[in-house]
């Protein structure tokens, strides 16, 4: 299942709302008009990368995008390896 892409600023805001404001995934999803599983997936990826909101703010867009996309590519290759 492919995820609809959202802007890097929205991903950073998802991190802020989750980590600093302690909003639920459902509340965040409603605020951005995206599905809760999409919010959950971004939160899971960010947590797996060990990034907090302050670090996300300091990272450049290219670096931040690489972290989010590399995580996705790694998961896709791991999924394919299970079927080999």
C-alpha atoms as a PDB file:
ATOM      1  CA  UNK A   1       0.000   0.000   0.000  1.00  0.00           C
ATOM      2  CA  UNK A   2       1.466   3.335  -0.996  1.00  0.00           C
ATOM      3  CA  UNK A   3       1.248   6.339   1.246  1.00  0.00           C
ATOM      4  CA  UNK A   4       0.120   9.669  -0.074  1.00  0.00           C
ATOM      5  CA  UNK A   5       3.042  12.046   0.259  1.00  0.00           C
ATOM      6  CA  UNK A   6       2.734  15.019   2.507  1.00  0.00           C
ATOM      7  CA  UNK A   7       5.088  17.949   2.862  1.00  0.00           C
ATOM      8  CA  UNK A   8       8.126  17.792   5.107  1.00  0.00           C
ATOM      9  CA  UNK A   9       6.756  20.669   7.158  1.00  0.00           C
ATOM     10  CA  UNK A  10       3.610  18.653   7.838  1.00  0.00           C
ATOM     11  CA  UNK A  11       5.715  15.675   8.901  1.00  0.00           C
ATOM     12  CA  UNK A  12       7.625  17.959  11.266  1.00  0.00           C
ATOM     13  CA  UNK A  13       4.318  19.260  12.604  1.00  0.00           C
ATOM     14  CA  UNK A  14       3.100  15.683  13.126  1.00  0.00           C
ATOM     15  CA  UNK A  15       6.213  15.082  15.215  1.00  0.00           C
ATOM     16  CA  UNK A  16       5.612  18.258  17.246  1.00  0.00           C
ATOM     17  CA  UNK A  17       1.952  17.502  17.893  1.00  0.00           C
ATOM     18  CA  UNK A  18       2.794  13.949  18.915  1.00  0.00           C
ATOM     19  CA  UNK A  19       5.890  14.566  21.021  1.00  0.00           C
ATOM     20  CA  UNK A  20       5.316  17.998  22.531  1.00  0.00           C
ATOM     21  CA  UNK A  21       1.539  18.412  22.607  1.00  0.00           C
ATOM     22  CA  UNK A  22       0.834  14.709  23.226  1.00  0.00           C
ATOM     23  CA  UNK A  23      -2.079  14.665  20.778  1.00  0.00           C
ATOM     24  CA  UNK A  24      -3.489  11.333  19.730  1.00  0.00           C
ATOM     25  CA  UNK A  25      -2.863   9.982  16.264  1.00  0.00           C
ATOM     26  CA  UNK A  26      -6.571  10.365  15.542  1.00  0.00           C
ATOM     27  CA  UNK A  27      -6.519  14.064  16.490  1.00  0.00           C
ATOM     28  CA  UNK A  28      -3.450  14.684  14.355  1.00  0.00           C
ATOM     29  CA  UNK A  29      -5.008  12.853  11.421  1.00  0.00           C
ATOM     30  CA  UNK A  30      -8.142  14.970  11.663  1.00  0.00           C
ATOM     31  CA  UNK A  31      -6.099  18.169  11.844  1.00  0.00           C
ATOM     32  CA  UNK A  32      -4.320  17.320   8.582  1.00  0.00           C
ATOM     33  CA  UNK A  33      -7.198  15.513   6.851  1.00  0.00           C
ATOM     34  CA  UNK A  34      -5.143  12.367   6.428  1.00  0.00           C
ATOM     35  CA  UNK A  35      -5.771   8.851   7.667  1.00  0.00           C
ATOM     36  CA  UNK A  36      -4.723   7.740  11.137  1.00  0.00           C
ATOM     37  CA  UNK A  37      -2.603   4.876   9.735  1.00  0.00           C
ATOM     38  CA  UNK A  38      -0.598   7.409   7.695  1.00  0.00           C
ATOM     39  CA  UNK A  39       0.051   9.445  10.850  1.00  0.00           C
ATOM     40  CA  UNK A  40       0.981   6.264  12.719  1.00  0.00           C
ATOM     41  CA  UNK A  41       3.390   5.237   9.960  1.00  0.00           C
ATOM     42  CA  UNK A  42       5.220   8.581   9.975  1.00  0.00           C
ATOM     43  CA  UNK A  43       5.437   8.553  13.775  1.00  0.00           C
ATOM     44  CA  UNK A  44       6.780   5.001  13.688  1.00  0.00           C
ATOM     45  CA  UNK A  45       9.412   5.905  11.069  1.00  0.00           C
ATOM     46  CA  UNK A  46      10.533   8.991  12.930  1.00  0.00           C
ATOM     47  CA  UNK A  47      10.764   7.092  16.224  1.00  0.00           C
ATOM     48  CA  UNK A  48      12.712   4.292  14.523  1.00  0.00           C
ATOM     49  CA  UNK A  49      15.176   6.872  13.235  1.00  0.00           C
ATOM     50  CA  UNK A  50      15.499   8.320  16.745  1.00  0.00           C
ATOM     51  CA  UNK A  51      14.470  11.830  15.734  1.00  0.00           C
ATOM     52  CA  UNK A  52      12.741  14.228  18.092  1.00  0.00           C
ATOM     53  CA  UNK A  53      11.095  17.523  17.164  1.00  0.00           C
ATOM     54  CA  UNK A  54      14.151  19.648  17.921  1.00  0.00           C
ATOM     55  CA  UNK A  55      16.351  17.439  15.728  1.00  0.00           C
ATOM     56  CA  UNK A  56      13.760  17.497  12.944  1.00  0.00           C
ATOM     57  CA  UNK A  57      13.785  21.300  13.006  1.00  0.00           C
ATOM     58  CA  UNK A  58      17.582  21.437  12.792  1.00  0.00           C
ATOM     59  CA  UNK A  59      17.892  18.949   9.941  1.00  0.00           C
ATOM     60  CA  UNK A  60      17.883  20.328   6.435  1.00  0.00           C
ATOM     61  CA  UNK A  61      15.043  19.288   4.163  1.00  0.00           C
ATOM     62  CA  UNK A  62      17.282  17.035   2.056  1.00  0.00           C
ATOM     63  CA  UNK A  63      18.623  15.167   5.076  1.00  0.00           C
ATOM     64  CA  UNK A  64      15.194  14.879   6.664  1.00  0.00           C
ATOM     65  CA  UNK A  65      13.707  13.573   3.402  1.00  0.00           C
ATOM     66  CA  UNK A  66      16.487  11.011   3.078  1.00  0.00           C
ATOM     67  CA  UNK A  67      15.768   9.704   6.557  1.00  0.00           C
ATOM     68  CA  UNK A  68      12.053   9.319   5.844  1.00  0.00           C
ATOM     69  CA  UNK A  69      12.527   7.882   2.345  1.00  0.00           C
ATOM     70  CA  UNK A  70      15.464   5.598   3.162  1.00  0.00           C
ATOM     71  CA  UNK A  71      13.396   4.083   5.954  1.00  0.00           C
ATOM     72  CA  UNK A  72      10.620   3.377   3.429  1.00  0.00           C
ATOM     73  CA  UNK A  73      13.030   1.854   0.880  1.00  0.00           C
ATOM     74  CA  UNK A  74      14.566  -0.342   3.586  1.00  0.00           C
ATOM     75  CA  UNK A  75      11.112  -1.603   4.587  1.00  0.00           C
ATOM     76  CA  UNK A  76      10.195  -2.338   0.965  1.00  0.00           C
ATOM     77  CA  UNK A  77      13.401  -4.314   0.380  1.00  0.00           C
ATOM     78  CA  UNK A  78      12.891  -6.231   3.625  1.00  0.00           C
ATOM     79  CA  UNK A  79       9.349  -7.058   2.504  1.00  0.00           C
ATOM     80  CA  UNK A  80      10.622  -8.335  -0.848  1.00  0.00           C
ATOM     81  CA  UNK A  81      13.308 -10.466   0.823  1.00  0.00           C
ATOM     82  CA  UNK A  82      10.649 -12.276   2.822  1.00  0.00           C
ATOM     83  CA  UNK A  83       9.162 -13.533  -0.441  1.00  0.00           C
ATOM     84  CA  UNK A  84      12.439 -14.782  -1.907  1.00  0.00           C
END
